[in-house]
Protein backbone atom coordinates (compact mmCIF):
# COMPACT_ATOMS: atom_id res chain seq x y z
CA MET A 1 0.00 0.00 0.00
CA PRO A 2 1.58 3.33 -1.01
CA VAL A 3 2.08 5.77 1.81
CA GLY A 4 2.09 8.96 -0.26
CA VAL A 5 3.69 12.15 0.96
CA PRO A 6 3.60 12.34 4.77
CA GLN A 7 1.57 15.15 6.34
CA VAL A 8 2.76 17.16 9.33
CA PRO A 9 1.02 19.81 11.45
CA PHE A 10 2.06 23.41 10.84
CA ARG A 11 0.72 26.58 12.43
CA ASN A 12 1.12 29.89 10.61
CA ALA A 13 1.73 32.96 12.72
CA GLY A 14 -1.62 34.24 14.00
CA ASP A 15 -3.50 30.96 13.40
CA GLU A 16 -5.12 29.32 16.38
CA GLU A 17 -4.91 25.79 15.05
CA ALA A 18 -2.31 23.94 13.06
CA ALA A 19 -3.11 22.84 9.53
CA TRP A 20 -1.82 19.63 8.00
CA VAL A 21 0.67 20.22 5.18
CA ASP A 22 2.88 17.79 3.27
CA VAL A 23 6.33 17.40 4.77
CA PHE A 24 8.09 18.95 1.74
CA ASN A 25 6.09 22.17 1.98
CA ARG A 26 6.86 22.33 5.68
CA LEU A 27 10.58 21.83 5.04
CA TYR A 28 10.59 24.39 2.20
CA ARG A 29 9.43 26.97 4.75
CA GLU A 30 12.60 26.17 6.71
CA ARG A 31 14.63 26.63 3.46
CA PHE A 32 15.33 22.90 2.93
CA LEU A 33 15.08 21.89 -0.74
CA PHE A 34 15.27 18.40 -2.25
CA LEU A 35 16.53 16.92 -5.50
CA GLY A 36 15.56 13.28 -5.08
CA GLN A 37 15.09 12.18 -8.67
CA GLU A 38 16.51 12.48 -12.15
CA VAL A 39 17.13 16.08 -13.22
CA ASP A 40 14.45 17.08 -15.73
CA ASP A 41 12.56 20.22 -16.73
CA GLU A 42 9.87 19.80 -14.06
CA ILE A 43 12.11 19.39 -10.99
CA SER A 44 14.48 22.02 -12.37
CA ASN A 45 11.68 24.58 -12.68
CA GLN A 46 10.40 23.72 -9.19
CA LEU A 47 13.83 24.16 -7.57
CA ILE A 48 14.58 27.33 -9.54
CA SER A 49 11.27 28.91 -8.54
CA LEU A 50 11.72 27.91 -4.88
CA MET A 51 15.26 29.33 -4.72
CA ILE A 52 14.16 32.60 -6.31
CA TYR A 53 11.04 32.89 -4.12
CA LEU A 54 12.91 32.12 -0.89
CA GLY A 55 15.71 34.50 -1.87
CA LEU A 56 13.22 37.30 -2.51
CA GLU A 57 11.26 36.55 0.66
CA ASP A 58 14.40 36.85 2.82
CA ASP A 59 17.88 37.00 1.35
CA THR A 60 19.72 36.52 4.66
CA PRO A 61 19.23 32.86 5.74
CA ASP A 62 21.03 30.19 3.71
CA LEU A 63 19.31 27.58 1.55
CA TYR A 64 19.99 23.84 1.94
CA LEU A 65 19.72 21.59 -1.13
CA PHE A 66 19.70 17.86 -0.32
CA ILE A 67 20.73 15.74 -3.32
CA ASN A 68 20.02 12.07 -4.01
CA SER A 69 19.99 11.97 -7.79
CA PRO A 70 21.23 9.65 -10.55
CA GLY A 71 21.79 12.69 -12.80
CA GLY A 72 19.68 13.62 -15.77
CA SER A 73 19.35 16.30 -18.40
CA VAL A 74 22.19 18.78 -18.81
CA ILE A 75 20.27 21.95 -19.73
CA PRO A 76 17.83 21.78 -16.77
CA GLY A 77 20.85 21.05 -14.54
CA PHE A 78 22.61 24.15 -15.87
CA GLY A 79 19.47 26.10 -14.93
CA ILE A 80 19.63 24.88 -11.32
CA TYR A 81 23.38 25.57 -11.13
CA ASP A 82 23.05 29.09 -12.58
CA THR A 83 20.21 29.92 -10.18
CA MET A 84 22.32 28.75 -7.24
CA GLN A 85 25.02 31.21 -8.30
CA TYR A 86 22.45 34.00 -8.87
CA VAL A 87 20.37 33.98 -5.68
CA GLN A 88 21.58 36.09 -2.77
CA PRO A 89 21.44 33.42 -0.03
CA ASP A 90 24.30 30.94 0.08
CA VAL A 91 23.22 27.49 -1.10
CA HIS A 92 24.54 24.56 0.91
CA THR A 93 24.59 21.31 -1.06
CA ILE A 94 24.31 18.02 0.79
CA CYS A 95 24.73 14.61 -0.86
CA VAL A 96 22.57 12.15 1.06
CA GLY A 97 22.82 9.09 -1.19
CA LEU A 98 23.99 9.44 -4.75
CA ALA A 99 25.01 12.54 -6.65
CA ALA A 100 25.81 11.19 -10.11
CA SER A 101 26.38 12.95 -13.40
CA MET A 102 24.33 16.17 -13.35
CA GLY A 103 23.65 15.53 -9.65
CA SER A 104 27.38 15.88 -8.95
CA PHE A 105 27.51 19.05 -11.04
CA ILE A 106 24.76 20.58 -8.88
CA LEU A 107 26.53 19.31 -5.75
CA VAL A 108 29.79 21.05 -6.70
CA GLY A 109 27.78 24.23 -7.40
CA GLY A 110 27.05 24.80 -3.74
CA GLU A 111 28.73 27.65 -1.91
CA ILE A 112 32.40 26.72 -1.51
CA THR A 113 33.02 25.62 2.11
CA LYS A 114 29.31 24.68 2.37
CA ARG A 115 29.26 21.47 0.28
CA LEU A 116 28.73 18.31 2.33
CA ALA A 117 28.44 14.57 1.77
CA PHE A 118 27.04 12.07 4.22
CA PRO A 119 29.50 9.30 5.17
CA HIS A 120 28.04 6.60 2.92
CA ALA A 121 27.19 8.89 -0.01
CA ARG A 122 28.54 8.22 -3.49
CA VAL A 123 29.49 10.82 -6.08
CA MET A 124 30.01 10.10 -9.78
CA ILE A 125 31.30 12.35 -12.54
CA HIS A 126 31.50 11.68 -16.28
CA GLN A 127 31.10 13.41 -19.60
CA PRO A 128 27.69 14.34 -20.98
CA SER A 129 26.16 11.92 -23.44
CA THR A 130 23.41 11.77 -25.99
CA THR A 131 21.86 9.34 -28.42
CA PHE A 132 22.05 9.90 -32.13
CA ALA A 133 19.14 7.66 -33.09
CA ASP A 134 17.57 8.57 -36.41
CA ALA A 135 19.81 11.63 -36.81
CA HIS A 136 20.72 12.89 -40.27
CA THR A 137 24.36 13.75 -40.91
CA ASP A 138 23.93 17.53 -40.52
CA GLU A 139 21.90 17.05 -37.30
CA PHE A 140 24.54 14.62 -36.05
CA ILE A 141 27.29 17.21 -36.59
CA GLN A 142 25.28 19.99 -34.90
CA GLU A 143 24.44 17.77 -31.95
CA THR A 144 28.07 16.69 -31.60
CA GLU A 145 29.23 20.33 -31.61
CA GLU A 146 26.67 21.20 -28.93
CA LEU A 147 27.71 18.19 -26.85
CA LEU A 148 31.35 19.31 -27.04
CA ARG A 149 30.37 22.83 -25.90
CA MET A 150 28.44 21.37 -22.95
CA ARG A 151 31.40 19.17 -22.02
CA GLU A 152 33.70 22.21 -22.14
CA THR A 153 31.35 24.15 -19.83
CA LEU A 154 31.07 21.24 -17.38
CA THR A 155 34.84 20.77 -17.35
CA LYS A 156 35.54 24.47 -16.72
CA VAL A 157 33.11 24.55 -13.79
CA TYR A 158 34.56 21.38 -12.23
CA VAL A 159 38.09 22.82 -12.59
CA GLN A 160 37.06 26.17 -11.11
CA ARG A 161 35.09 24.75 -8.18
CA THR A 162 37.29 21.76 -7.25
CA GLY A 163 40.74 23.29 -7.68
CA GLN A 164 41.80 20.26 -9.72
CA PRO A 165 43.97 20.81 -12.79
CA LEU A 166 42.27 20.72 -16.19
CA TRP A 167 44.05 17.51 -17.18
CA VAL A 168 42.77 15.67 -14.06
CA VAL A 169 39.15 16.70 -14.60
CA SER A 170 39.35 15.99 -18.35
CA GLU A 171 40.76 12.53 -17.71
CA ASP A 172 38.14 11.78 -15.05
CA MET A 173 35.32 12.81 -17.37
CA GLU A 174 36.37 10.23 -19.97
CA ARG A 175 34.63 7.49 -17.99
CA ASP A 176 32.31 6.99 -15.02
CA VAL A 177 34.33 7.83 -11.88
CA PHE A 178 32.57 6.78 -8.68
CA MET A 179 33.87 8.20 -5.41
CA SER A 180 33.15 7.68 -1.74
CA ALA A 181 32.36 10.75 0.35
CA THR A 182 35.99 10.97 1.46
CA GLU A 183 37.28 10.58 -2.10
CA ALA A 184 34.86 13.29 -3.24
CA GLN A 185 36.26 15.55 -0.51
CA ASP A 186 39.84 14.79 -1.60
CA HIS A 187 38.80 15.58 -5.18
CA GLY A 188 37.30 18.93 -4.14
CA LEU A 189 33.69 18.08 -5.05
CA VAL A 190 32.62 18.54 -1.43
CA ASP A 191 34.24 20.42 1.43
CA LEU A 192 33.12 18.28 4.36
CA VAL A 193 32.06 14.74 5.14
CA ALA A 194 29.45 14.50 7.88
CA VAL A 195 30.51 12.46 10.89
CA GLU A 196 28.48 9.41 11.82
């Protein structure tokens, strides 16, 4: 039997009685955001709008983005990353399970010194990919050029935010590189590993 989204009581200022709200809405009010799925247009737009709204509502308290994601689409991931750099509050990123592919890119986009991985978290980086099914030659060439531009952007950001040399990041992006939380810290993808 599916449980659905848990409900928790929440009382707004001035209300006499608490209303039942889903746990995510309650946590959003405390500035806790969640990426717990593949990165796509829908979750990207939700996170972008929440970061902008919370930043406009009060630009002083930090935001906390919990990540457990197998990756996903590059362009929506770029949108989340760019918004994290744009909003006034610092964005903490916390890997709570897996931050793979675009999930690791978003993880590294957190405010430097405020990127955390839980002890048993895994982080994976690799190059962007696409499928060329049913592509004509000219479309294939255009798509390949765009893919190379995206890879260049990803590589530059990883170099800038990890402190690793270009050759190390380029080599790592040639294949799937899985890291433990400690290895991710050594690689500069996160700043801290939470203690058990």
